[in-house]
N, C-alpha and C. Protein backbone atom coordinates (compact mmCIF):
# COMPACT_ATOMS: atom_id res chain seq x y z
N ASP A 1 100.16 -31.07 8.53
CA ASP A 1 99.74 -31.24 10.17
C ASP A 1 99.91 -33.00 9.86
N GLN A 2 99.79 -32.77 8.60
CA GLN A 2 99.81 -34.29 8.34
C GLN A 2 101.55 -35.10 7.75
N VAL A 3 102.24 -35.32 8.97
CA VAL A 3 103.80 -35.49 8.83
C VAL A 3 104.19 -36.72 9.09
N ALA A 4 104.92 -37.70 8.41
CA ALA A 4 105.46 -39.30 9.09
C ALA A 4 106.93 -38.87 9.21
N SER A 5 107.16 -38.86 10.56
CA SER A 5 108.58 -39.27 10.70
C SER A 5 109.14 -40.00 11.85
N VAL A 6 110.38 -40.07 11.53
CA VAL A 6 111.21 -41.42 12.54
C VAL A 6 112.45 -40.82 12.78
N ILE A 7 112.92 -41.12 13.98
CA ILE A 7 114.48 -40.29 14.10
C ILE A 7 115.13 -42.25 14.98
N ASP A 8 115.99 -42.51 13.90
CA ASP A 8 116.74 -43.50 14.87
C ASP A 8 117.84 -42.44 15.68
N LEU A 9 117.49 -42.72 17.17
CA LEU A 9 118.43 -42.40 18.27
C LEU A 9 119.27 -42.61 18.37
N SER A 10 119.81 -44.02 17.66
CA SER A 10 121.26 -44.97 17.50
C SER A 10 122.07 -44.52 16.61
N THR A 11 121.92 -43.74 15.38
CA THR A 11 122.25 -43.14 14.72
C THR A 11 122.10 -41.76 14.14
N GLY A 12 121.23 -41.10 14.74
CA GLY A 12 120.35 -39.80 14.33
C GLY A 12 119.87 -39.96 13.24
N GLU A 13 119.88 -40.71 12.07
CA GLU A 13 119.04 -40.73 11.26
C GLU A 13 117.80 -40.10 11.44
N MET A 14 117.24 -39.53 10.66
CA MET A 14 115.97 -39.04 10.58
C MET A 14 115.28 -38.99 9.11
N VAL A 15 113.69 -39.33 9.02
CA VAL A 15 113.23 -38.97 7.94
C VAL A 15 112.20 -38.50 7.69
N PHE A 16 111.43 -37.69 7.12
CA PHE A 16 109.90 -37.11 6.88
C PHE A 16 109.41 -37.09 5.44
N GLN A 17 108.08 -37.37 5.55
CA GLN A 17 107.84 -38.02 4.37
C GLN A 17 106.04 -36.50 5.10
N ALA A 18 106.12 -35.71 3.87
CA ALA A 18 104.14 -35.02 3.86
C ALA A 18 103.92 -35.33 2.34
N LEU A 19 102.69 -35.61 2.52
CA LEU A 19 101.71 -35.56 1.47
C LEU A 19 101.46 -34.23 1.00
N ILE A 20 101.82 -33.81 -0.18
CA ILE A 20 101.51 -32.77 -0.85
C ILE A 20 99.96 -31.89 -0.49
N LYS A 21 98.82 -32.92 -1.01
CA LYS A 21 97.96 -32.34 -0.59
C LYS A 21 97.19 -32.48 0.65
N SER A 22 97.92 -32.96 1.61
CA SER A 22 97.37 -32.63 2.78
C SER A 22 97.59 -31.11 3.39
N PHE A 23 98.39 -30.31 2.09
CA PHE A 23 98.74 -28.86 2.98
C PHE A 23 97.09 -28.31 2.47
N ASN A 24 96.87 -27.41 3.99
CA ASN A 24 95.54 -26.53 3.78
C ASN A 24 95.25 -25.13 3.68
N PHE A 25 94.58 -24.39 3.51
CA PHE A 25 94.72 -23.10 3.02
C PHE A 25 93.18 -22.53 3.41
N GLU A 26 93.58 -21.11 3.65
CA GLU A 26 92.19 -20.76 3.73
C GLU A 26 91.11 -20.38 2.63
N ARG A 27 91.34 -20.53 1.57
CA ARG A 27 90.88 -20.73 0.54
C ARG A 27 90.91 -21.77 -0.80
N ALA A 28 89.56 -22.22 -0.76
CA ALA A 28 89.95 -23.29 -1.45
C ALA A 28 90.47 -23.30 -2.99
N LEU A 29 90.47 -21.97 -3.45
CA LEU A 29 90.73 -21.93 -4.91
C LEU A 29 92.05 -21.75 -4.31
N MET A 30 92.90 -21.03 -3.47
CA MET A 30 94.27 -21.24 -3.57
C MET A 30 95.22 -22.78 -2.86
N GLN A 31 93.90 -23.32 -2.21
CA GLN A 31 94.32 -24.75 -2.23
C GLN A 31 94.84 -25.41 -3.65
N GLU A 32 93.37 -25.17 -4.90
CA GLU A 32 93.56 -25.96 -5.70
C GLU A 32 94.65 -25.32 -6.69
N HIS A 33 95.26 -23.83 -6.76
CA HIS A 33 96.04 -24.25 -7.00
C HIS A 33 97.37 -24.10 -6.83
N PHE A 34 97.45 -24.12 -5.72
CA PHE A 34 98.83 -24.69 -5.01
C PHE A 34 98.82 -26.44 -5.80
N ASN A 35 97.91 -26.95 -5.81
CA ASN A 35 98.00 -28.53 -5.58
C ASN A 35 98.33 -28.34 -7.33
N GLU A 36 97.38 -27.74 -8.13
CA GLU A 36 97.18 -28.33 -9.45
C GLU A 36 98.38 -27.78 -10.22
N ASN A 37 98.47 -26.29 -10.29
CA ASN A 37 99.41 -25.56 -11.27
C ASN A 37 100.45 -25.57 -10.74
N TYR A 38 100.88 -25.61 -9.38
CA TYR A 38 102.70 -25.04 -8.55
C TYR A 38 103.38 -26.27 -9.02
N MET A 39 102.24 -27.40 -7.73
CA MET A 39 103.05 -28.29 -7.05
C MET A 39 102.50 -29.65 -8.07
N GLU A 40 101.67 -29.59 -8.60
CA GLU A 40 101.44 -30.88 -9.70
C GLU A 40 101.45 -32.07 -8.64
N SER A 41 100.55 -31.85 -7.68
CA SER A 41 100.34 -32.86 -6.13
C SER A 41 100.10 -34.03 -7.26
N ASP A 42 99.59 -34.25 -8.07
CA ASP A 42 98.96 -36.14 -8.52
C ASP A 42 100.36 -36.26 -9.33
N LYS A 43 100.98 -35.44 -9.61
CA LYS A 43 102.46 -36.42 -10.54
C LYS A 43 103.26 -36.06 -9.24
N TYR A 44 103.81 -35.22 -8.66
CA TYR A 44 104.60 -35.56 -7.21
C TYR A 44 103.91 -35.20 -6.09
N PRO A 45 103.54 -35.92 -5.51
CA PRO A 45 102.52 -36.35 -4.55
C PRO A 45 103.67 -36.02 -2.88
N ARG A 46 104.52 -36.04 -2.86
CA ARG A 46 104.81 -36.32 -1.86
C ARG A 46 106.31 -34.99 -1.22
N ALA A 47 106.44 -34.81 -0.56
CA ALA A 47 107.92 -34.32 -0.18
C ALA A 47 108.82 -35.09 0.89
N THR A 48 109.76 -35.40 0.58
CA THR A 48 110.70 -35.93 1.83
C THR A 48 111.72 -35.40 2.24
N PHE A 49 112.32 -35.52 3.42
CA PHE A 49 113.26 -35.67 3.90
C PHE A 49 114.14 -36.75 4.10
N LYS A 50 115.50 -36.94 4.25
CA LYS A 50 116.05 -38.02 4.56
C LYS A 50 117.27 -37.06 4.91
N GLY A 51 117.76 -37.40 6.73
CA GLY A 51 119.06 -36.69 6.76
C GLY A 51 119.54 -37.83 8.08
N LYS A 52 120.21 -36.54 8.62
CA LYS A 52 121.10 -37.44 9.86
C LYS A 52 121.56 -36.22 10.77
N ILE A 53 121.02 -36.17 11.98
CA ILE A 53 121.81 -35.26 12.89
C ILE A 53 122.97 -34.98 13.36
N THR A 54 124.03 -34.32 12.79
CA THR A 54 125.58 -34.11 12.54
C THR A 54 126.34 -34.53 14.11
N ASP A 55 125.46 -34.49 15.61
CA ASP A 55 126.30 -34.89 15.99
C ASP A 55 125.76 -36.16 16.80
N PRO A 56 126.50 -37.29 16.66
CA PRO A 56 125.94 -38.73 16.79
C PRO A 56 125.47 -38.66 18.49
N ALA A 57 126.77 -38.49 19.29
CA ALA A 57 126.60 -38.16 20.77
C ALA A 57 125.14 -37.23 21.45
N ILE A 58 124.92 -36.53 20.93
CA ILE A 58 123.25 -35.79 20.54
C ILE A 58 122.33 -36.35 20.86
N ALA A 59 122.43 -37.07 19.39
CA ALA A 59 121.48 -37.65 19.31
C ALA A 59 120.19 -38.84 19.92
N THR A 60 121.70 -39.87 20.97
CA THR A 60 121.40 -40.82 21.75
C THR A 60 119.81 -39.96 22.41
N PHE A 61 120.14 -38.99 22.88
CA PHE A 61 119.47 -37.96 24.25
C PHE A 61 119.26 -38.98 25.20
N LYS A 62 120.31 -39.26 26.08
CA LYS A 62 119.97 -40.21 26.98
C LYS A 62 119.22 -39.42 28.40
N ASN A 63 119.81 -38.15 28.18
CA ASN A 63 119.16 -37.58 29.39
C ASN A 63 117.92 -36.72 28.92
N ASP A 64 117.02 -36.25 29.65
CA ASP A 64 116.03 -35.49 29.66
C ASP A 64 116.94 -33.96 29.77
N GLY A 65 116.14 -33.21 28.96
CA GLY A 65 117.12 -31.87 28.30
C GLY A 65 116.27 -30.92 26.87
N ARG A 66 116.93 -29.98 26.55
CA ARG A 66 116.98 -29.46 25.64
C ARG A 66 117.99 -29.27 24.93
N TYR A 67 118.43 -29.83 23.55
CA TYR A 67 119.42 -30.35 22.55
C TYR A 67 119.35 -29.31 21.95
N ASP A 68 120.01 -28.67 21.41
CA ASP A 68 121.18 -27.91 19.82
C ASP A 68 121.14 -28.83 19.24
N VAL A 69 120.78 -28.94 17.90
CA VAL A 69 120.99 -29.44 17.21
C VAL A 69 121.49 -28.99 15.44
N ARG A 70 122.28 -29.97 14.91
CA ARG A 70 122.51 -29.53 13.34
C ARG A 70 122.13 -30.76 12.47
N VAL A 71 121.22 -30.42 11.47
CA VAL A 71 120.92 -31.49 10.98
C VAL A 71 121.49 -31.13 9.51
N GLU A 72 121.89 -32.25 8.76
CA GLU A 72 122.08 -32.27 7.07
C GLU A 72 121.12 -33.55 6.88
N GLY A 73 120.98 -33.73 5.50
CA GLY A 73 119.92 -33.99 4.54
C GLY A 73 119.80 -33.91 3.21
N GLU A 74 118.95 -34.42 2.83
CA GLU A 74 118.24 -34.06 1.52
C GLU A 74 117.04 -34.15 1.69
N LEU A 75 116.63 -33.05 0.90
CA LEU A 75 115.20 -32.57 0.96
C LEU A 75 114.38 -32.56 -0.27
N ASN A 76 113.58 -33.14 -0.45
CA ASN A 76 113.10 -33.58 -2.09
C ASN A 76 111.61 -33.00 -2.10
N ILE A 77 111.24 -32.18 -2.98
CA ILE A 77 110.19 -31.53 -3.42
C ILE A 77 110.15 -31.35 -5.05
N HIS A 78 108.95 -31.74 -5.64
CA HIS A 78 108.93 -31.71 -6.72
C HIS A 78 109.71 -32.45 -7.33
N ASN A 79 110.25 -33.75 -6.77
CA ASN A 79 111.11 -34.77 -7.68
C ASN A 79 112.58 -34.39 -7.81
N VAL A 80 112.52 -32.96 -7.24
CA VAL A 80 114.24 -32.27 -7.45
C VAL A 80 114.51 -32.38 -6.04
N ALA A 81 115.73 -33.04 -6.06
CA ALA A 81 116.44 -33.45 -4.98
C ALA A 81 117.11 -32.19 -4.31
N LYS A 82 117.81 -31.74 -2.84
CA LYS A 82 118.45 -30.28 -2.88
C LYS A 82 119.33 -31.01 -1.32
N GLN A 83 120.42 -30.63 -1.77
CA GLN A 83 121.37 -30.42 -0.20
C GLN A 83 120.77 -29.56 1.03
N LEU A 84 120.28 -30.15 2.37
CA LEU A 84 119.74 -28.86 2.87
C LEU A 84 120.68 -29.24 4.40
N THR A 85 121.32 -27.87 4.92
CA THR A 85 121.33 -27.99 6.06
C THR A 85 121.00 -26.75 7.25
N THR A 86 120.53 -27.15 8.56
CA THR A 86 119.70 -26.64 8.76
C THR A 86 119.70 -27.25 10.60
N THR A 87 119.55 -26.13 11.52
CA THR A 87 119.57 -25.73 12.81
C THR A 87 118.05 -26.53 13.39
N GLY A 88 118.46 -26.81 15.07
CA GLY A 88 116.89 -27.10 15.50
C GLY A 88 116.96 -27.19 17.06
N THR A 89 115.97 -27.75 17.81
CA THR A 89 115.75 -28.11 19.32
C THR A 89 115.24 -29.24 19.00
N ILE A 90 115.80 -29.71 19.88
CA ILE A 90 115.40 -31.09 20.20
C ILE A 90 115.06 -31.60 21.85
N GLU A 91 114.00 -31.84 22.56
CA GLU A 91 113.29 -31.13 23.65
C GLU A 91 113.42 -33.02 24.12
N LYS A 92 113.88 -33.43 25.03
CA LYS A 92 113.36 -35.19 25.43
C LYS A 92 112.99 -34.61 27.18
N ASN A 93 111.54 -35.27 27.32
CA ASN A 93 111.55 -35.28 28.28
C ASN A 93 110.52 -36.82 28.66
N GLY A 94 111.30 -37.54 29.69
CA GLY A 94 111.00 -38.98 29.85
C GLY A 94 110.85 -39.98 28.27
N ASN A 95 110.23 -40.56 28.03
CA ASN A 95 110.01 -41.07 26.61
C ASN A 95 109.48 -40.29 25.74
N ASN A 96 109.24 -38.69 25.66
CA ASN A 96 108.47 -37.91 24.77
C ASN A 96 109.95 -37.09 24.52
N LEU A 97 109.69 -36.74 22.82
CA LEU A 97 110.78 -36.22 22.41
C LEU A 97 109.85 -34.93 21.43
N SER A 98 110.10 -33.68 21.22
CA SER A 98 109.48 -32.58 20.94
C SER A 98 110.92 -31.67 19.98
N ALA A 99 110.88 -31.94 18.63
CA ALA A 99 111.66 -31.10 17.42
C ALA A 99 111.62 -30.50 16.81
N THR A 100 111.51 -29.11 17.30
CA THR A 100 111.45 -28.07 15.90
C THR A 100 112.23 -27.36 15.08
N SER A 101 112.17 -26.54 14.07
CA SER A 101 113.08 -26.18 13.11
C SER A 101 112.18 -25.21 12.41
N LYS A 102 112.95 -24.31 11.86
CA LYS A 102 112.70 -23.43 10.83
C LYS A 102 113.77 -23.21 9.57
N PHE A 103 113.54 -23.13 8.65
CA PHE A 103 114.39 -22.82 7.42
C PHE A 103 113.74 -22.60 6.14
N ILE A 104 113.96 -21.80 5.37
CA ILE A 104 113.74 -21.04 3.80
C ILE A 104 114.19 -21.83 2.78
N ILE A 105 113.36 -21.85 2.26
CA ILE A 105 113.42 -23.00 0.62
C ILE A 105 112.83 -21.52 -0.15
N SER A 106 113.67 -22.00 -1.43
CA SER A 106 112.83 -21.35 -2.93
C SER A 106 112.28 -21.94 -3.74
N PRO A 107 111.37 -21.63 -3.93
CA PRO A 107 110.51 -22.54 -5.01
C PRO A 107 111.28 -23.01 -5.93
N GLU A 108 111.67 -21.83 -6.75
CA GLU A 108 112.62 -22.10 -7.73
C GLU A 108 113.81 -23.01 -7.87
N ASP A 109 114.44 -22.97 -6.74
CA ASP A 109 114.85 -24.17 -6.46
C ASP A 109 114.63 -25.54 -6.40
N TYR A 110 113.33 -25.82 -6.46
CA TYR A 110 112.81 -27.05 -6.79
C TYR A 110 111.74 -26.79 -7.99
N ASN A 111 112.03 -26.45 -9.17
CA ASN A 111 111.51 -26.06 -10.48
C ASN A 111 110.14 -25.76 -10.47
N ILE A 112 109.74 -24.71 -9.48
CA ILE A 112 108.23 -25.16 -8.86
C ILE A 112 107.98 -23.25 -9.72
N GLU A 113 107.21 -23.49 -11.00
CA GLU A 113 107.14 -22.37 -11.76
C GLU A 113 106.14 -21.82 -11.15
N ILE A 114 106.20 -20.35 -10.99
CA ILE A 114 104.81 -19.51 -10.49
C ILE A 114 105.03 -18.91 -11.74
N PRO A 115 103.18 -18.98 -12.37
CA PRO A 115 102.66 -17.99 -13.60
C PRO A 115 103.04 -16.18 -13.64
N ALA A 116 103.71 -15.96 -14.44
CA ALA A 116 103.68 -14.46 -14.26
C ALA A 116 102.77 -13.88 -14.08
N VAL A 117 101.88 -13.98 -14.40
CA VAL A 117 100.44 -13.34 -14.16
C VAL A 117 100.01 -13.35 -12.01
N VAL A 118 100.67 -13.83 -11.64
CA VAL A 118 100.48 -13.87 -10.43
C VAL A 118 102.09 -13.87 -9.45
N ARG A 119 102.72 -13.63 -10.15
CA ARG A 119 104.27 -13.86 -9.70
C ARG A 119 104.66 -13.09 -8.50
N ASP A 120 103.83 -11.68 -8.73
CA ASP A 120 104.22 -10.65 -7.68
C ASP A 120 103.20 -10.73 -6.47
N ASN A 121 102.49 -11.59 -6.62
CA ASN A 121 101.49 -11.93 -5.33
C ASN A 121 101.79 -13.58 -4.32
N ILE A 122 102.77 -14.05 -5.28
CA ILE A 122 103.32 -15.68 -4.53
C ILE A 122 105.03 -15.06 -4.13
N ALA A 123 105.08 -15.44 -2.47
CA ALA A 123 106.42 -14.91 -1.71
C ALA A 123 107.53 -15.70 -2.26
N LYS A 124 108.82 -15.01 -2.83
CA LYS A 124 109.52 -15.42 -3.33
C LYS A 124 110.52 -16.80 -2.46
N THR A 125 110.06 -16.66 -1.43
CA THR A 125 110.83 -17.57 -0.74
C THR A 125 109.43 -18.43 0.71
N ILE A 126 109.79 -19.41 1.16
CA ILE A 126 108.82 -20.52 1.74
C ILE A 126 109.33 -20.29 3.39
N GLU A 127 109.06 -20.00 4.20
CA GLU A 127 109.71 -20.65 5.61
C GLU A 127 108.67 -21.86 6.17
N VAL A 128 109.66 -22.73 6.29
CA VAL A 128 108.82 -24.22 6.57
C VAL A 128 109.53 -24.14 7.81
N THR A 129 108.32 -24.53 8.67
CA THR A 129 107.90 -24.64 10.23
C THR A 129 108.00 -25.97 10.66
N ILE A 130 109.18 -27.02 11.25
CA ILE A 130 108.86 -28.03 11.49
C ILE A 130 108.11 -27.91 13.51
N ASP A 131 107.49 -29.18 13.57
CA ASP A 131 106.70 -28.71 14.90
C ASP A 131 106.35 -30.15 15.17
N MET A 132 107.29 -31.42 15.92
CA MET A 132 107.04 -32.32 15.52
C MET A 132 107.30 -33.13 16.97
N LYS A 133 105.89 -34.85 17.04
CA LYS A 133 106.34 -34.75 18.45
C LYS A 133 106.53 -36.27 18.31
N TYR A 134 107.64 -36.77 19.09
CA TYR A 134 107.64 -38.47 19.13
C TYR A 134 107.33 -38.91 20.61
N THR A 135 107.60 -40.52 20.28
CA THR A 135 107.30 -41.33 21.43
C THR A 135 108.54 -42.06 21.18
N ILE A 136 109.11 -42.43 22.26
CA ILE A 136 110.81 -43.34 22.03
C ILE A 136 110.35 -44.79 22.29
N ALA A 137 110.33 -45.73 21.31
CA ALA A 137 109.86 -46.84 21.66
C ALA A 137 110.47 -47.71 22.42
N GLU A 138 110.49 -48.55 23.09
CA GLU A 138 111.33 -49.53 23.83
C GLU A 138 111.47 -50.32 23.26
N ASN A 139 113.13 -50.68 23.23
CA ASN A 139 113.85 -51.87 22.88
C ASN A 139 113.23 -53.19 23.39
N LYS A 140 112.95 -54.01 22.70
CA LYS A 140 113.01 -55.68 23.11
C LYS A 140 113.49 -56.48 22.64
């Protein structure tokens, strides 16, 4: 719930940044293990994505409506950067944009080690859900 993001509508470039410690869990012990044992959030405090909507004509979003988009870029988690290509939807209504996407990542791909004792209780893949709201800034 605590992600910063910007989209440049003239180029389709986008950036996301999430503080790892901002992830909340039902149980405090789960959150502690997530931050200290798996994500090492004191050492690697952020996850970032820098990418671009691949169709720049769509990225201008001149008209209200729903746009299916493809995004390519670099996802950096745990100080490991990997190329990511995914799809999503951006809906424009006046000066407001809503962006949604879902994709799967593997902790193993980002050098996140899960101790053997709990490995069977931790998902092998993680579904990442993006649900962002933007306001289009007026050019002055």
